[in-house]
Amino acid sequence: MITPLPQVRAAQPFEALQADVAAIAETTGEPPQIFLANIGPLRQHKARADFAQGFFEVGGFEIVYPPGFRDGRTGGGGAVFRCGGSGYLLHR
């Protein structure tokens, strides 16, 4: 006898994330924020930062999207998603 695979919708983990973010927003009165620390010139980070913004907004996060920083020594506190010239880094 073949054991059937459990039926799981592919969106279930994502919907759970959205529910968690919504619960945080209801508890605190505002959604969790992600600060995009855009490092370098605009042409270097715009596409990555726009993608990251859309990716996190769909999950219910509020995005703080400043114009950019010259170097990595300035920026915000908390969880930071850096979009620089060579790739992505997620810091806490």
PDB file of N, CA and C in Angstrom:
ATOM      1  N   MET A   1       0.842  -1.188   0.000  1.00  0.00           N
ATOM      2  CA  MET A   1       0.000   0.000   0.000  1.00  0.00           C
ATOM      3  C   MET A   1       0.884   1.248   0.000  1.00  0.00           C
ATOM      4  N   ILE A   2       0.486   2.219  -0.764  1.00  0.00           N
ATOM      5  CA  ILE A   2       1.225   3.478  -0.861  1.00  0.00           C
ATOM      6  C   ILE A   2       0.593   4.485   0.099  1.00  0.00           C
ATOM      7  N   THR A   3       1.437   5.093   0.916  1.00  0.00           N
ATOM      8  CA  THR A   3       0.967   6.107   1.844  1.00  0.00           C
ATOM      9  C   THR A   3       0.838   7.436   1.106  1.00  0.00           C
ATOM     10  N   PRO A   4      -0.341   8.017   1.099  1.00  0.00           N
ATOM     11  CA  PRO A   4      -0.502   9.295   0.394  1.00  0.00           C
ATOM     12  C   PRO A   4       0.263  10.414   1.091  1.00  0.00           C
ATOM     13  N   LEU A   5       0.727  11.354   0.296  1.00  0.00           N
ATOM     14  CA  LEU A   5       1.402  12.527   0.844  1.00  0.00           C
ATOM     15  C   LEU A   5       0.377  13.452   1.486  1.00  0.00           C
ATOM     16  N   PRO A   6       0.775  14.117   2.568  1.00  0.00           N
ATOM     17  CA  PRO A   6      -0.161  15.066   3.176  1.00  0.00           C
ATOM     18  C   PRO A   6      -0.390  16.259   2.232  1.00  0.00           C
ATOM     19  N   GLN A   7      -1.613  16.731   2.225  1.00  0.00           N
ATOM     20  CA  GLN A   7      -1.916  17.880   1.382  1.00  0.00           C
ATOM     21  C   GLN A   7      -1.585  19.157   2.146  1.00  0.00           C
ATOM     22  N   VAL A   8      -0.703  19.928   1.563  1.00  0.00           N
ATOM     23  CA  VAL A   8      -0.279  21.192   2.161  1.00  0.00           C
ATOM     24  C   VAL A   8      -0.265  22.240   1.059  1.00  0.00           C
ATOM     25  N   ARG A   9      -0.869  23.364   1.335  1.00  0.00           N
ATOM     26  CA  ARG A   9      -0.807  24.469   0.373  1.00  0.00           C
ATOM     27  C   ARG A   9       0.548  25.148   0.501  1.00  0.00           C
ATOM     28  N   ALA A  10       1.153  25.467  -0.604  1.00  0.00           N
ATOM     29  CA  ALA A  10       2.482  26.088  -0.604  1.00  0.00           C
ATOM     30  C   ALA A  10       2.491  27.431   0.109  1.00  0.00           C
ATOM     31  N   ALA A  11       1.350  28.095   0.175  1.00  0.00           N
ATOM     32  CA  ALA A  11       1.277  29.428   0.784  1.00  0.00           C
ATOM     33  C   ALA A  11       1.140  29.388   2.304  1.00  0.00           C
ATOM     34  N   GLN A  12       0.949  28.215   2.893  1.00  0.00           N
ATOM     35  CA  GLN A  12       0.699  28.149   4.338  1.00  0.00           C
ATOM     36  C   GLN A  12       1.810  28.774   5.191  1.00  0.00           C
ATOM     37  N   PRO A  13       3.096  28.501   4.950  1.00  0.00           N
ATOM     38  CA  PRO A  13       4.135  29.150   5.773  1.00  0.00           C
ATOM     39  C   PRO A  13       4.110  30.675   5.639  1.00  0.00           C
ATOM     40  N   PHE A  14       3.887  31.168   4.430  1.00  0.00           N
ATOM     41  CA  PHE A  14       3.836  32.608   4.207  1.00  0.00           C
ATOM     42  C   PHE A  14       2.629  33.223   4.909  1.00  0.00           C
ATOM     43  N   GLU A  15       1.480  32.553   4.827  1.00  0.00           N
ATOM     44  CA  GLU A  15       0.284  33.047   5.503  1.00  0.00           C
ATOM     45  C   GLU A  15       0.483  33.063   7.019  1.00  0.00           C
ATOM     46  N   ALA A  16       1.234  32.095   7.542  1.00  0.00           N
ATOM     47  CA  ALA A  16       1.546  32.084   8.975  1.00  0.00           C
ATOM     48  C   ALA A  16       2.406  33.294   9.343  1.00  0.00           C
ATOM     49  N   LEU A  17       3.374  33.630   8.482  1.00  0.00           N
ATOM     50  CA  LEU A  17       4.196  34.822   8.713  1.00  0.00           C
ATOM     51  C   LEU A  17       3.330  36.079   8.703  1.00  0.00           C
ATOM     52  N   GLN A  18       2.439  36.191   7.725  1.00  0.00           N
ATOM     53  CA  GLN A  18       1.543  37.347   7.667  1.00  0.00           C
ATOM     54  C   GLN A  18       0.684  37.440   8.922  1.00  0.00           C
ATOM     55  N   ALA A  19       0.197  36.309   9.409  1.00  0.00           N
ATOM     56  CA  ALA A  19      -0.622  36.303  10.628  1.00  0.00           C
ATOM     57  C   ALA A  19       0.196  36.738  11.834  1.00  0.00           C
ATOM     58  N   ASP A  20       1.453  36.285  11.932  1.00  0.00           N
ATOM     59  CA  ASP A  20       2.320  36.699  13.035  1.00  0.00           C
ATOM     60  C   ASP A  20       2.586  38.197  13.000  1.00  0.00           C
ATOM     61  N   VAL A  21       2.858  38.721  11.812  1.00  0.00           N
ATOM     62  CA  VAL A  21       3.115  40.157  11.660  1.00  0.00           C
ATOM     63  C   VAL A  21       1.860  40.950  12.010  1.00  0.00           C
ATOM     64  N   ALA A  22       0.697  40.463  11.578  1.00  0.00           N
ATOM     65  CA  ALA A  22      -0.566  41.143  11.896  1.00  0.00           C
ATOM     66  C   ALA A  22      -0.823  41.127  13.401  1.00  0.00           C
ATOM     67  N   ALA A  23      -0.483  40.029  14.077  1.00  0.00           N
ATOM     68  CA  ALA A  23      -0.661  39.947  15.531  1.00  0.00           C
ATOM     69  C   ALA A  23       0.250  40.943  16.242  1.00  0.00           C
ATOM     70  N   ILE A  24       1.481  41.078  15.755  1.00  0.00           N
ATOM     71  CA  ILE A  24       2.404  42.069  16.342  1.00  0.00           C
ATOM     72  C   ILE A  24       1.849  43.469  16.137  1.00  0.00           C
ATOM     73  N   ALA A  25       1.344  43.738  14.943  1.00  0.00           N
ATOM     74  CA  ALA A  25       0.788  45.062  14.652  1.00  0.00           C
ATOM     75  C   ALA A  25      -0.419  45.353  15.535  1.00  0.00           C
ATOM     76  N   GLU A  26      -1.243  44.355  15.775  1.00  0.00           N
ATOM     77  CA  GLU A  26      -2.417  44.564  16.624  1.00  0.00           C
ATOM     78  C   GLU A  26      -2.016  44.794  18.074  1.00  0.00           C
ATOM     79  N   THR A  27      -1.001  44.095  18.529  1.00  0.00           N
ATOM     80  CA  THR A  27      -0.535  44.227  19.911  1.00  0.00           C
ATOM     81  C   THR A  27       0.151  45.565  20.158  1.00  0.00           C
ATOM     82  N   THR A  28       1.008  45.969  19.211  1.00  0.00           N
ATOM     83  CA  THR A  28       1.810  47.178  19.412  1.00  0.00           C
ATOM     84  C   THR A  28       1.174  48.429  18.828  1.00  0.00           C
ATOM     85  N   GLY A  29       0.178  48.253  17.955  1.00  0.00           N
ATOM     86  CA  GLY A  29      -0.446  49.410  17.321  1.00  0.00           C
ATOM     87  C   GLY A  29       0.198  49.825  16.023  1.00  0.00           C
ATOM     88  N   GLU A  30       1.289  49.162  15.635  1.00  0.00           N
ATOM     89  CA  GLU A  30       1.940  49.449  14.359  1.00  0.00           C
ATOM     90  C   GLU A  30       2.667  48.189  13.892  1.00  0.00           C
ATOM     91  N   PRO A  31       2.834  48.047  12.581  1.00  0.00           N
ATOM     92  CA  PRO A  31       3.515  46.848  12.078  1.00  0.00           C
ATOM     93  C   PRO A  31       5.011  46.911  12.392  1.00  0.00           C
ATOM     94  N   PRO A  32       5.667  45.754  12.443  1.00  0.00           N
ATOM     95  CA  PRO A  32       7.124  45.772  12.623  1.00  0.00           C
ATOM     96  C   PRO A  32       7.779  46.479  11.444  1.00  0.00           C
ATOM     97  N   GLN A  33       8.881  47.142  11.718  1.00  0.00           N
ATOM     98  CA  GLN A  33       9.566  47.901  10.676  1.00  0.00           C
ATOM     99  C   GLN A  33      10.860  47.213  10.275  1.00  0.00           C
ATOM    100  N   ILE A  34      11.190  47.368   9.008  1.00  0.00           N
ATOM    101  CA  ILE A  34      12.491  46.950   8.498  1.00  0.00           C
ATOM    102  C   ILE A  34      13.127  48.183   7.873  1.00  0.00           C
ATOM    103  N   PHE A  35      14.331  48.470   8.311  1.00  0.00           N
ATOM    104  CA  PHE A  35      15.076  49.622   7.821  1.00  0.00           C
ATOM    105  C   PHE A  35      16.001  49.151   6.702  1.00  0.00           C
ATOM    106  N   LEU A  36      15.805  49.666   5.509  1.00  0.00           N
ATOM    107  CA  LEU A  36      16.687  49.328   4.401  1.00  0.00           C
ATOM    108  C   LEU A  36      17.870  50.290   4.420  1.00  0.00           C
ATOM    109  N   ALA A  37      19.023  49.777   4.786  1.00  0.00           N
ATOM    110  CA  ALA A  37      20.237  50.598   4.812  1.00  0.00           C
ATOM    111  C   ALA A  37      20.886  50.505   3.439  1.00  0.00           C
ATOM    112  N   ASN A  38      20.497  51.399   2.569  1.00  0.00           N
ATOM    113  CA  ASN A  38      20.999  51.401   1.196  1.00  0.00           C
ATOM    114  C   ASN A  38      22.371  52.046   1.166  1.00  0.00           C
ATOM    115  N   ILE A  39      23.384  51.231   0.850  1.00  0.00           N
ATOM    116  CA  ILE A  39      24.767  51.680   0.907  1.00  0.00           C
ATOM    117  C   ILE A  39      25.270  51.957  -0.505  1.00  0.00           C
ATOM    118  N   GLY A  40      25.847  53.128  -0.692  1.00  0.00           N
ATOM    119  CA  GLY A  40      26.455  53.467  -1.973  1.00  0.00           C
ATOM    120  C   GLY A  40      25.525  54.280  -2.857  1.00  0.00           C
ATOM    121  N   PRO A  41      25.972  54.514  -4.094  1.00  0.00           N
ATOM    122  CA  PRO A  41      25.177  55.322  -5.026  1.00  0.00           C
ATOM    123  C   PRO A  41      23.876  54.620  -5.409  1.00  0.00           C
ATOM    124  N   LEU A  42      22.886  55.420  -5.769  1.00  0.00           N
ATOM    125  CA  LEU A  42      21.554  54.917  -6.097  1.00  0.00           C
ATOM    126  C   LEU A  42      21.597  53.820  -7.159  1.00  0.00           C
ATOM    127  N   ARG A  43      22.358  54.009  -8.210  1.00  0.00           N
ATOM    128  CA  ARG A  43      22.402  53.017  -9.286  1.00  0.00           C
ATOM    129  C   ARG A  43      22.930  51.665  -8.799  1.00  0.00           C
ATOM    130  N   GLN A  44      23.630  51.679  -7.682  1.00  0.00           N
ATOM    131  CA  GLN A  44      24.217  50.455  -7.142  1.00  0.00           C
ATOM    132  C   GLN A  44      23.216  49.643  -6.314  1.00  0.00           C
ATOM    133  N   HIS A  45      22.237  50.293  -5.694  1.00  0.00           N
ATOM    134  CA  HIS A  45      21.355  49.557  -4.783  1.00  0.00           C
ATOM    135  C   HIS A  45      19.871  49.634  -5.123  1.00  0.00           C
ATOM    136  N   LYS A  46      19.455  50.458  -6.068  1.00  0.00           N
ATOM    137  CA  LYS A  46      18.031  50.700  -6.317  1.00  0.00           C
ATOM    138  C   LYS A  46      17.248  49.430  -6.633  1.00  0.00           C
ATOM    139  N   ALA A  47      17.717  48.616  -7.557  1.00  0.00           N
ATOM    140  CA  ALA A  47      16.971  47.412  -7.949  1.00  0.00           C
ATOM    141  C   ALA A  47      16.832  46.447  -6.769  1.00  0.00           C
ATOM    142  N   ARG A  48      17.913  46.224  -6.034  1.00  0.00           N
ATOM    143  CA  ARG A  48      17.866  45.313  -4.890  1.00  0.00           C
ATOM    144  C   ARG A  48      16.974  45.857  -3.785  1.00  0.00           C
ATOM    145  N   ALA A  49      17.085  47.144  -3.522  1.00  0.00           N
ATOM    146  CA  ALA A  49      16.279  47.750  -2.457  1.00  0.00           C
ATOM    147  C   ALA A  49      14.797  47.721  -2.814  1.00  0.00           C
ATOM    148  N   ASP A  50      14.468  47.998  -4.068  1.00  0.00           N
ATOM    149  CA  ASP A  50      13.064  47.937  -4.487  1.00  0.00           C
ATOM    150  C   ASP A  50      12.510  46.524  -4.364  1.00  0.00           C
ATOM    151  N   PHE A  51      13.315  45.531  -4.742  1.00  0.00           N
ATOM    152  CA  PHE A  51      12.883  44.140  -4.600  1.00  0.00           C
ATOM    153  C   PHE A  51      12.659  43.801  -3.130  1.00  0.00           C
ATOM    154  N   ALA A  52      13.623  44.164  -2.280  1.00  0.00           N
ATOM    155  CA  ALA A  52      13.507  43.870  -0.849  1.00  0.00           C
ATOM    156  C   ALA A  52      12.293  44.574  -0.254  1.00  0.00           C
ATOM    157  N   GLN A  53      12.051  45.800  -0.660  1.00  0.00           N
ATOM    158  CA  GLN A  53      10.893  46.540  -0.162  1.00  0.00           C
ATOM    159  C   GLN A  53       9.601  45.798  -0.491  1.00  0.00           C
ATOM    160  N   GLY A  54       9.435  45.415  -1.734  1.00  0.00           N
ATOM    161  CA  GLY A  54       8.237  44.691  -2.137  1.00  0.00           C
ATOM    162  C   GLY A  54       8.111  43.346  -1.449  1.00  0.00           C
ATOM    163  N   PHE A  55       9.226  42.650  -1.290  1.00  0.00           N
ATOM    164  CA  PHE A  55       9.242  41.338  -0.652  1.00  0.00           C
ATOM    165  C   PHE A  55       8.736  41.422   0.783  1.00  0.00           C
ATOM    166  N   PHE A  56       9.252  42.388   1.545  1.00  0.00           N
ATOM    167  CA  PHE A  56       8.868  42.505   2.949  1.00  0.00           C
ATOM    168  C   PHE A  56       7.493  43.141   3.132  1.00  0.00           C
ATOM    169  N   GLU A  57       7.111  44.071   2.260  1.00  0.00           N
ATOM    170  CA  GLU A  57       5.787  44.703   2.377  1.00  0.00           C
ATOM    171  C   GLU A  57       4.663  43.687   2.215  1.00  0.00           C
ATOM    172  N   VAL A  58       4.837  42.728   1.333  1.00  0.00           N
ATOM    173  CA  VAL A  58       3.814  41.703   1.134  1.00  0.00           C
ATOM    174  C   VAL A  58       3.608  40.906   2.420  1.00  0.00           C
ATOM    175  N   GLY A  59       4.661  40.761   3.214  1.00  0.00           N
ATOM    176  CA  GLY A  59       4.552  40.059   4.493  1.00  0.00           C
ATOM    177  C   GLY A  59       3.916  40.892   5.583  1.00  0.00           C
ATOM    178  N   GLY A  60       3.668  42.172   5.315  1.00  0.00           N
ATOM    179  CA  GLY A  60       3.011  43.029   6.287  1.00  0.00           C
ATOM    180  C   GLY A  60       3.945  43.961   7.042  1.00  0.00           C
ATOM    181  N   PHE A  61       5.230  43.918   6.721  1.00  0.00           N
ATOM    182  CA  PHE A  61       6.199  44.791   7.396  1.00  0.00           C
ATOM    183  C   PHE A  61       6.101  46.207   6.839  1.00  0.00           C
ATOM    184  N   GLU A  62       6.405  47.176   7.690  1.00  0.00           N
ATOM    185  CA  GLU A  62       6.523  48.563   7.234  1.00  0.00           C
ATOM    186  C   GLU A  62       7.986  48.792   6.895  1.00  0.00           C
ATOM    187  N   ILE A  63       8.243  49.372   5.741  1.00  0.00           N
ATOM    188  CA  ILE A  63       9.610  49.561   5.274  1.00  0.00           C
ATOM    189  C   ILE A  63      10.038  51.003   5.471  1.00  0.00           C
ATOM    190  N   VAL A  64      11.178  51.193   6.110  1.00  0.00           N
ATOM    191  CA  VAL A  64      11.808  52.503   6.223  1.00  0.00           C
ATOM    192  C   VAL A  64      12.882  52.516   5.137  1.00  0.00           C
ATOM    193  N   TYR A  65      12.687  53.374   4.132  1.00  0.00           N
ATOM    194  CA  TYR A  65      13.509  53.355   2.922  1.00  0.00           C
ATOM    195  C   TYR A  65      14.151  54.727   2.724  1.00  0.00           C
ATOM    196  N   PRO A  66      15.292  54.982   3.370  1.00  0.00           N
ATOM    197  CA  PRO A  66      15.963  56.269   3.196  1.00  0.00           C
ATOM    198  C   PRO A  66      16.658  56.329   1.831  1.00  0.00           C
ATOM    199  N   PRO A  67      17.085  57.518   1.412  1.00  0.00           N
ATOM    200  CA  PRO A  67      17.691  57.660   0.091  1.00  0.00           C
ATOM    201  C   PRO A  67      19.006  56.901  -0.077  1.00  0.00           C
ATOM    202  N   GLY A  68      19.738  56.665   0.984  1.00  0.00           N
ATOM    203  CA  GLY A  68      21.003  55.928   0.867  1.00  0.00           C
ATOM    204  C   GLY A  68      22.085  56.537   1.728  1.00  0.00           C
ATOM    205  N   PHE A  69      23.130  55.766   1.963  1.00  0.00           N
ATOM    206  CA  PHE A  69      24.264  56.183   2.779  1.00  0.00           C
ATOM    207  C   PHE A  69      25.544  55.977   1.983  1.00  0.00           C
ATOM    208  N   ARG A  70      26.511  56.831   2.221  1.00  0.00           N
ATOM    209  CA  ARG A  70      27.787  56.728   1.514  1.00  0.00           C
ATOM    210  C   ARG A  70      28.557  55.471   1.889  1.00  0.00           C
ATOM    211  N   ASP A  71      28.483  55.093   3.178  1.00  0.00           N
ATOM    212  CA  ASP A  71      29.240  53.927   3.633  1.00  0.00           C
ATOM    213  C   ASP A  71      28.415  53.155   4.663  1.00  0.00           C
ATOM    214  N   GLY A  72      28.930  52.048   5.139  1.00  0.00           N
ATOM    215  CA  GLY A  72      28.209  51.193   6.074  1.00  0.00           C
ATOM    216  C   GLY A  72      28.303  51.613   7.523  1.00  0.00           C
ATOM    217  N   ARG A  73      28.949  52.733   7.814  1.00  0.00           N
ATOM    218  CA  ARG A  73      29.101  53.155   9.208  1.00  0.00           C
ATOM    219  C   ARG A  73      27.910  53.929   9.746  1.00  0.00           C
ATOM    220  N   THR A  74      27.017  54.361   8.879  1.00  0.00           N
ATOM    221  CA  THR A  74      25.832  55.082   9.312  1.00  0.00           C
ATOM    222  C   THR A  74      24.611  54.240   9.013  1.00  0.00           C
ATOM    223  N   GLY A  75      23.544  54.457   9.727  1.00  0.00           N
ATOM    224  CA  GLY A  75      22.329  53.685   9.483  1.00  0.00           C
ATOM    225  C   GLY A  75      21.490  53.614  10.740  1.00  0.00           C
ATOM    226  N   GLY A  76      20.468  52.815  10.707  1.00  0.00           N
ATOM    227  CA  GLY A  76      19.541  52.700  11.830  1.00  0.00           C
ATOM    228  C   GLY A  76      19.881  51.524  12.712  1.00  0.00           C
ATOM    229  N   GLY A  77      19.187  51.426  13.827  1.00  0.00           N
ATOM    230  CA  GLY A  77      19.362  50.308  14.739  1.00  0.00           C
ATOM    231  C   GLY A  77      18.330  49.241  14.465  1.00  0.00           C
ATOM    232  N   GLY A  78      18.400  48.160  15.187  1.00  0.00           N
ATOM    233  CA  GLY A  78      17.433  47.075  15.029  1.00  0.00           C
ATOM    234  C   GLY A  78      17.791  46.180  13.859  1.00  0.00           C
ATOM    235  N   ALA A  79      16.799  45.544  13.285  1.00  0.00           N
ATOM    236  CA  ALA A  79      17.034  44.668  12.132  1.00  0.00           C
ATOM    237  C   ALA A  79      17.239  45.526  10.902  1.00  0.00           C
ATOM    238  N   VAL A  80      18.317  45.287  10.210  1.00  0.00           N
ATOM    239  CA  VAL A  80      18.669  46.089   9.043  1.00  0.00           C
ATOM    240  C   VAL A  80      18.925  45.156   7.874  1.00  0.00           C
ATOM    241  N   PHE A  81      18.289  45.436   6.752  1.00  0.00           N
ATOM    242  CA  PHE A  81      18.538  44.707   5.516  1.00  0.00           C
ATOM    243  C   PHE A  81      19.368  45.619   4.649  1.00  0.00           C
ATOM    244  N   ARG A  82      20.646  45.294   4.482  1.00  0.00           N
ATOM    245  CA  ARG A  82      21.550  46.159   3.726  1.00  0.00           C
ATOM    246  C   ARG A  82      21.552  45.771   2.266  1.00  0.00           C
ATOM    247  N   CYS A  83      21.385  46.742   1.410  1.00  0.00           N
ATOM    248  CA  CYS A  83      21.504  46.534  -0.032  1.00  0.00           C
ATOM    249  C   CYS A  83      22.722  47.298  -0.501  1.00  0.00           C
ATOM    250  N   GLY A  84      23.785  46.598  -0.756  1.00  0.00           N
ATOM    251  CA  GLY A  84      25.008  47.233  -1.215  1.00  0.00           C
ATOM    252  C   GLY A  84      25.360  46.775  -2.610  1.00  0.00           C
ATOM    253  N   GLY A  85      26.588  47.007  -2.983  1.00  0.00           N
ATOM    254  CA  GLY A  85      27.011  46.684  -4.329  1.00  0.00           C
ATOM    255  C   GLY A  85      27.156  45.200  -4.612  1.00  0.00           C
ATOM    256  N   SER A  86      27.528  44.407  -3.618  1.00  0.00           N
ATOM    257  CA  SER A  86      27.838  43.012  -3.913  1.00  0.00           C
ATOM    258  C   SER A  86      26.779  42.028  -3.436  1.00  0.00           C
ATOM    259  N   GLY A  87      25.768  42.470  -2.710  1.00  0.00           N
ATOM    260  CA  GLY A  87      24.762  41.511  -2.284  1.00  0.00           C
ATOM    261  C   GLY A  87      23.956  41.987  -1.111  1.00  0.00           C
ATOM    262  N   TYR A  88      23.261  41.048  -0.482  1.00  0.00           N
ATOM    263  CA  TYR A  88      22.362  41.335   0.622  1.00  0.00           C
ATOM    264  C   TYR A  88      22.954  40.852   1.934  1.00  0.00           C
ATOM    265  N   LEU A  89      22.737  41.602   2.979  1.00  0.00           N
ATOM    266  CA  LEU A  89      23.100  41.175   4.318  1.00  0.00           C
ATOM    267  C   LEU A  89      21.956  41.529   5.249  1.00  0.00           C
ATOM    268  N   LEU A  90      21.542  40.600   6.078  1.00  0.00           N
ATOM    269  CA  LEU A  90      20.487  40.857   7.051  1.00  0.00           C
ATOM    270  C   LEU A  90      21.137  40.861   8.428  1.00  0.00           C
ATOM    271  N   HIS A  91      21.043  41.987   9.115  1.00  0.00           N
ATOM    272  CA  HIS A  91      21.658  42.141  10.430  1.00  0.00           C
ATOM    273  C   HIS A  91      20.586  42.308  11.489  1.00  0.00           C
ATOM    274  N   ARG A  92      20.923  41.946  12.697  1.00  0.00           N
ATOM    275  CA  ARG A  92      20.049  42.205  13.847  1.00  0.00           C
ATOM    276  C   ARG A  92      20.798  43.026  14.843  1.00  0.00           C
TER     277      ARG A  92
END
